[in-house]
């Protein structure tokens, strides 16, 4: 029985007022897809990792959902949870930056726009940083840059792969130059990670824009993206006004970036865990013996004395 038939049977058996229908949806039993407007049962949608079963639209997910989707149960260890942003510039627009931070923390339950930690994926250890767009549009402030830098340095020290899940509107304007400095700081930590011959994978989700795109989101060894994700530096209107020409309709989508070589692969969310596990398995670091404690990989091969055998004949 289709979803529409189910609703039709309910109307015939027990007519429901419009207010009651709205109340049932508001209770969280059903979720309407923003793309195709189909109602999906919330539990089924959660099992499908918040991807619409009808049209494949990837709905926004929280940082907690991201971590649960990737890290093995019981292996997640958060890092630097106590870091919070200050207001060194005493910035104020319609309200002070301090008030905006306080209100956003109360609304989202987050301390800032990224969570970092260590975990395992299918048994492979890795370091994970997850940006959350709910916190001031995932903007990159001093705390975001500091936590990602520390995570990259920790991954380098422990010789493990590094994964960033990017979702951001760009630099945080309330912190001015202090925010822009994070681009160079995170990029420098990623360069040291690369010099150690370790794997770094950024995953570009909707949206990934601004200073994040211009720095660590595009520095990966393998760049992955979710379908239809908005990926770019500045907005369509700014580009069109600067170039004085129209850009393609699919401009700045993940598919456009893949076709032009800026993204290596587009991976649907339900397949992401499997793909990452394969990549981690293929890029496990090789442990080489040190000079202080040499290790023989196999017994030395001794050549037979062919001269004595010939003389014996």
Protein backbone atom coordinates (compact mmCIF):
# COMPACT_ATOMS: atom_id res chain seq x y z
CA UNK A 1 0.00 0.00 0.00
CA UNK A 2 1.39 3.41 -0.96
CA UNK A 3 1.60 6.33 1.44
CA UNK A 4 -1.21 8.14 -0.37
CA UNK A 5 -3.53 5.10 -0.13
CA UNK A 6 -2.79 4.86 3.58
CA UNK A 7 -3.82 8.48 4.10
CA UNK A 8 -6.97 7.93 1.99
CA UNK A 9 -8.01 4.96 4.15
CA UNK A 10 -7.54 7.01 7.30
CA UNK A 11 -9.70 9.83 5.95
CA UNK A 12 -12.51 7.41 5.03
CA UNK A 13 -12.45 5.54 8.35
CA UNK A 14 -12.00 8.50 10.68
CA UNK A 15 -12.08 12.01 9.21
CA UNK A 16 -9.30 14.17 10.62
CA UNK A 17 -9.36 17.93 10.79
CA UNK A 18 -6.62 20.02 9.26
CA UNK A 19 -5.44 21.10 12.71
CA UNK A 20 -5.02 17.47 13.80
CA UNK A 21 -3.01 16.63 10.67
CA UNK A 22 -0.69 19.56 11.28
CA UNK A 23 -0.27 18.53 14.91
CA UNK A 24 0.71 14.98 13.94
CA UNK A 25 3.39 16.22 11.55
CA UNK A 26 4.66 18.69 14.13
CA UNK A 27 5.05 15.89 16.65
CA UNK A 28 7.98 14.58 14.60
CA UNK A 29 6.31 11.46 13.19
CA UNK A 30 6.69 12.62 9.60
CA UNK A 31 9.23 14.74 7.73
CA UNK A 32 8.49 16.55 4.47
CA UNK A 33 11.23 16.53 1.87
CA UNK A 34 12.16 20.07 0.84
CA UNK A 35 12.87 18.88 -2.70
CA UNK A 36 9.97 16.63 -3.73
CA UNK A 37 7.55 17.49 -0.85
CA UNK A 38 6.93 13.80 -0.10
CA UNK A 39 6.20 12.87 3.52
CA UNK A 40 8.60 10.29 4.95
CA UNK A 41 8.27 8.42 8.22
CA UNK A 42 10.84 9.91 10.58
CA UNK A 43 12.28 6.58 11.78
CA UNK A 44 12.69 5.26 8.24
CA UNK A 45 14.30 8.53 7.22
CA UNK A 46 16.74 8.30 10.12
CA UNK A 47 17.69 4.74 9.15
CA UNK A 48 18.40 6.04 5.64
CA UNK A 49 20.72 8.69 7.16
CA UNK A 50 18.32 11.56 6.40
CA UNK A 51 18.27 10.93 2.65
CA UNK A 52 14.84 11.13 1.00
CA UNK A 53 13.85 7.65 -0.24
CA UNK A 54 11.87 9.16 -3.13
CA UNK A 55 14.22 11.68 -4.74
CA UNK A 56 17.54 11.12 -2.95
CA UNK A 57 17.64 14.63 -1.50
CA UNK A 58 20.24 14.89 1.29
CA UNK A 59 18.66 16.65 4.25
CA UNK A 60 20.75 18.51 6.84
CA UNK A 61 22.10 16.43 9.72
CA UNK A 62 23.56 17.41 13.08
CA UNK A 63 27.13 16.90 14.15
CA UNK A 64 26.03 14.13 16.51
CA UNK A 65 24.36 12.27 13.64
CA UNK A 66 27.49 12.61 11.51
CA UNK A 67 29.67 11.14 14.25
CA UNK A 68 27.28 8.23 14.84
CA UNK A 69 27.17 7.49 11.11
CA UNK A 70 30.95 7.17 10.80
CA UNK A 71 32.55 6.23 14.14
CA UNK A 72 32.27 2.67 15.47
CA UNK A 73 30.09 2.38 18.56
CA UNK A 74 31.98 3.17 21.76
CA UNK A 75 35.16 4.39 20.04
CA UNK A 76 34.51 8.15 19.81
CA UNK A 77 36.75 10.30 22.04
CA UNK A 78 36.02 14.06 21.77
CA UNK A 79 38.88 16.57 21.90
CA UNK A 80 39.13 20.20 23.03
CA UNK A 81 35.51 20.44 24.16
CA UNK A 82 36.24 23.35 26.52
CA UNK A 83 37.32 25.82 23.81
CA UNK A 84 34.88 28.73 23.39
CA UNK A 85 35.09 31.91 21.33
CA UNK A 86 35.71 35.30 22.88
CA UNK A 87 35.03 38.78 21.53
CA UNK A 88 38.45 40.43 21.18
CA UNK A 89 37.18 43.01 18.66
CA UNK A 90 34.05 43.83 20.71
CA UNK A 91 32.12 43.57 17.47
CA UNK A 92 28.56 44.78 17.25
CA UNK A 93 26.02 45.02 14.41
CA UNK A 94 22.33 44.75 15.37
CA UNK A 95 23.47 43.08 18.57
CA UNK A 96 26.80 42.34 20.16
CA UNK A 97 28.88 39.32 19.12
CA UNK A 98 28.83 38.07 22.72
CA UNK A 99 25.02 38.00 22.68
CA UNK A 100 24.96 36.17 19.34
CA UNK A 101 27.33 33.52 20.68
CA UNK A 102 25.30 33.07 23.85
CA UNK A 103 22.00 32.78 21.98
CA UNK A 104 23.42 30.32 19.44
CA UNK A 105 24.88 28.12 22.17
CA UNK A 106 21.55 28.02 23.97
CA UNK A 107 19.65 27.26 20.76
CA UNK A 108 21.93 24.52 19.39
CA UNK A 109 23.55 23.09 22.50
CA UNK A 110 26.94 23.50 20.80
CA UNK A 111 29.92 25.51 21.99
CA UNK A 112 31.09 26.38 18.48
CA UNK A 113 30.83 25.39 14.84
CA UNK A 114 32.96 22.24 14.88
CA UNK A 115 33.47 19.12 16.95
CA UNK A 116 36.68 17.12 16.79
CA UNK A 117 37.79 13.79 18.14
CA UNK A 118 39.36 10.38 17.58
CA UNK A 119 37.59 7.17 16.75
CA UNK A 120 37.60 4.04 14.66
CA UNK A 121 35.84 3.25 11.40
CA UNK A 122 35.45 -0.48 10.77
CA UNK A 123 38.34 -0.93 13.18
CA UNK A 124 40.65 1.59 11.48
CA UNK A 125 41.71 4.51 13.74
CA UNK A 126 41.13 7.99 12.36
CA UNK A 127 40.77 11.63 13.41
CA UNK A 128 37.50 13.36 12.57
CA UNK A 129 36.41 16.99 12.49
CA UNK A 130 32.74 17.74 11.82
CA UNK A 131 31.42 21.23 11.08
CA UNK A 132 27.83 22.06 11.99
CA UNK A 133 25.97 24.64 9.90
CA UNK A 134 23.50 25.32 12.73
CA UNK A 135 26.14 27.28 14.65
CA UNK A 136 26.25 30.68 12.93
CA UNK A 137 26.18 29.11 9.48
CA UNK A 138 29.20 26.92 10.22
CA UNK A 139 31.34 30.04 9.99
CA UNK A 140 35.06 29.64 10.59
CA UNK A 141 36.15 31.57 13.66
CA UNK A 142 39.21 31.30 15.89
CA UNK A 143 37.85 28.30 17.80
CA UNK A 144 37.01 26.39 14.60
CA UNK A 145 40.49 27.02 13.22
CA UNK A 146 42.20 26.16 16.49
CA UNK A 147 40.31 22.89 16.97
CA UNK A 148 40.92 21.75 13.41
CA UNK A 149 44.62 22.65 13.69
CA UNK A 150 45.00 20.73 16.94
CA UNK A 151 43.21 17.76 15.43
CA UNK A 152 45.51 17.74 12.39
CA UNK A 153 48.57 17.92 14.64
CA UNK A 154 47.21 15.10 16.81
CA UNK A 155 46.60 12.94 13.73
CA UNK A 156 50.14 13.61 12.53
CA UNK A 157 51.64 12.76 15.92
CA UNK A 158 49.66 9.52 16.17
CA UNK A 159 50.25 8.64 12.50
CA UNK A 160 46.58 8.19 11.62
CA UNK A 161 44.36 9.43 8.74
CA UNK A 162 42.44 12.69 9.01
CA UNK A 163 38.89 13.41 7.83
CA UNK A 164 37.11 16.80 7.81
CA UNK A 165 33.37 17.07 7.10
CA UNK A 166 32.94 20.60 5.78
CA UNK A 167 29.74 22.64 5.99
CA UNK A 168 30.26 26.38 6.17
CA UNK A 169 29.26 29.78 4.88
CA UNK A 170 32.88 30.94 5.13
CA UNK A 171 34.86 33.11 7.53
CA UNK A 172 33.16 34.58 10.61
CA UNK A 173 32.94 38.30 9.94
CA UNK A 174 32.55 39.16 13.63
CA UNK A 175 36.19 38.13 14.18
CA UNK A 176 37.62 39.95 11.17
CA UNK A 177 41.28 39.21 10.41
CA UNK A 178 41.46 36.73 13.29
CA UNK A 179 39.06 34.53 11.36
CA UNK A 180 40.96 34.84 8.07
CA UNK A 181 44.20 33.81 9.81
CA UNK A 182 42.69 30.39 10.50
CA UNK A 183 42.87 29.57 6.79
CA UNK A 184 46.67 29.68 6.85
CA UNK A 185 46.95 28.02 10.25
CA UNK A 186 44.89 24.96 9.34
CA UNK A 187 46.56 24.72 5.93
CA UNK A 188 50.01 24.72 7.54
CA UNK A 189 49.01 21.87 9.86
CA UNK A 190 47.68 19.92 6.86
CA UNK A 191 50.98 20.44 5.02
CA UNK A 192 52.88 18.88 7.94
CA UNK A 193 50.38 16.02 7.84
CA UNK A 194 51.09 15.57 4.12
CA UNK A 195 54.86 15.65 4.66
CA UNK A 196 54.41 12.75 7.08
CA UNK A 197 52.83 10.84 4.14
CA UNK A 198 49.47 10.54 5.88
CA UNK A 199 45.99 10.57 4.36
CA UNK A 200 43.67 13.59 4.52
CA UNK A 201 40.10 13.40 3.15
CA UNK A 202 37.76 16.42 3.13
CA UNK A 203 34.06 15.66 2.62
CA UNK A 204 32.22 18.63 1.11
CA UNK A 205 28.58 18.87 2.14
CA UNK A 206 25.86 21.43 1.48
CA UNK A 207 26.97 24.20 1.64
CA UNK A 208 30.77 24.55 1.55
CA UNK A 209 31.71 28.12 0.61
CA UNK A 210 33.94 31.10 1.36
CA UNK A 211 37.22 30.82 3.22
CA UNK A 212 36.68 27.14 4.01
CA UNK A 213 36.56 26.32 0.28
CA UNK A 214 39.54 28.59 -0.31
CA UNK A 215 41.66 26.67 2.21
CA UNK A 216 41.41 23.29 3.89
CA UNK A 217 38.30 22.02 2.04
CA UNK A 218 40.28 21.78 -1.22
CA UNK A 219 43.62 20.51 0.11
CA UNK A 220 42.69 16.85 0.43
CA UNK A 221 44.49 13.87 -1.04
CA UNK A 222 41.03 12.61 -2.01
CA UNK A 223 38.16 15.14 -2.10
CA UNK A 224 34.67 13.68 -1.70
CA UNK A 225 31.31 15.45 -1.91
CA UNK A 226 27.65 14.72 -1.29
CA UNK A 227 25.22 14.85 -4.25
CA UNK A 228 23.90 18.32 -5.22
CA UNK A 229 26.01 20.03 -2.54
CA UNK A 230 26.71 23.74 -3.05
CA UNK A 231 30.49 24.15 -3.36
CA UNK A 232 32.10 27.46 -4.22
CA UNK A 233 33.90 30.55 -2.99
CA UNK A 234 31.48 33.43 -3.54
CA UNK A 235 27.86 33.70 -4.61
CA UNK A 236 26.43 33.36 -8.10
CA UNK A 237 25.24 36.97 -8.22
CA UNK A 238 28.66 38.38 -7.31
CA UNK A 239 30.35 36.27 -9.99
CA UNK A 240 27.82 37.24 -12.66
CA UNK A 241 28.14 40.93 -11.82
CA UNK A 242 31.94 40.68 -11.88
CA UNK A 243 32.16 38.75 -15.15
CA UNK A 244 29.07 40.46 -16.62
CA UNK A 245 27.81 37.18 -18.00
CA UNK A 246 25.52 34.37 -16.92
CA UNK A 247 26.95 31.23 -15.37
CA UNK A 248 25.54 27.70 -16.00
CA UNK A 249 22.48 26.59 -14.05
CA UNK A 250 24.40 23.79 -12.29
CA UNK A 251 27.28 26.12 -11.48
CA UNK A 252 28.89 25.45 -8.05
CA UNK A 253 27.14 22.13 -7.56
CA UNK A 254 29.08 19.01 -6.60
CA UNK A 255 28.38 17.54 -10.04
CA UNK A 256 29.79 20.64 -11.78
CA UNK A 257 32.92 20.54 -9.61
CA UNK A 258 33.39 16.83 -10.35
CA UNK A 259 33.16 17.46 -14.10
CA UNK A 260 35.82 20.19 -13.81
CA UNK A 261 38.26 18.24 -11.62
CA UNK A 262 37.80 20.00 -8.28
CA UNK A 263 36.17 16.95 -6.64
CA UNK A 264 37.36 13.36 -6.99
CA UNK A 265 34.08 11.56 -6.31
CA UNK A 266 30.46 12.14 -5.31
CA UNK A 267 29.38 9.68 -2.64
CA UNK A 268 25.77 9.40 -1.41
CA UNK A 269 25.54 9.54 2.38
CA UNK A 270 24.35 5.92 2.88
CA UNK A 271 27.48 4.71 1.05
CA UNK A 272 29.95 7.05 2.71
CA UNK A 273 30.95 4.78 5.59
CA UNK A 274 31.74 1.88 3.24
CA UNK A 275 33.76 4.08 0.88
CA UNK A 276 35.77 5.63 3.71
CA UNK A 277 36.50 2.21 5.19
CA UNK A 278 37.90 1.07 1.83
CA UNK A 279 40.05 4.20 1.53
CA UNK A 280 41.41 3.82 5.05
CA UNK A 281 42.22 0.17 4.40
CA UNK A 282 44.09 1.05 1.19
CA UNK A 283 46.11 3.84 2.85
CA UNK A 284 47.29 2.18 6.04
CA UNK A 285 50.77 3.52 6.90
CA UNK A 286 53.78 1.26 6.43
CA UNK A 287 55.77 0.80 9.64
CA UNK A 288 59.48 0.75 8.76
CA UNK A 289 62.12 -0.71 11.13
CA UNK A 290 64.42 1.75 12.90
CA UNK A 291 68.22 1.49 12.89
CA UNK A 292 68.28 0.89 16.63
CA UNK A 293 66.12 -2.23 16.37
CA UNK A 294 66.38 -3.70 12.87
CA UNK A 295 63.73 -6.23 11.92
CA UNK A 296 64.28 -8.85 9.24
CA UNK A 297 61.27 -9.28 7.06
CA UNK A 298 62.45 -12.75 6.03
CA UNK A 299 65.40 -15.11 6.44
CA UNK A 300 68.40 -14.31 4.23
CA UNK A 301 68.69 -16.48 1.14
CA UNK A 302 72.02 -18.37 0.89
CA UNK A 303 73.36 -19.27 -2.51
CA UNK A 304 74.40 -22.92 -3.01
CA UNK A 305 78.01 -23.73 -3.75
CA UNK A 306 77.65 -24.68 -7.43
CA UNK A 307 81.45 -25.18 -7.81
CA UNK A 308 81.61 -28.09 -5.36
CA UNK A 309 78.58 -29.74 -6.97
CA UNK A 310 80.19 -29.58 -10.43
CA UNK A 311 83.50 -31.05 -9.13
CA UNK A 312 81.63 -33.87 -7.39
CA UNK A 313 80.14 -34.89 -10.74
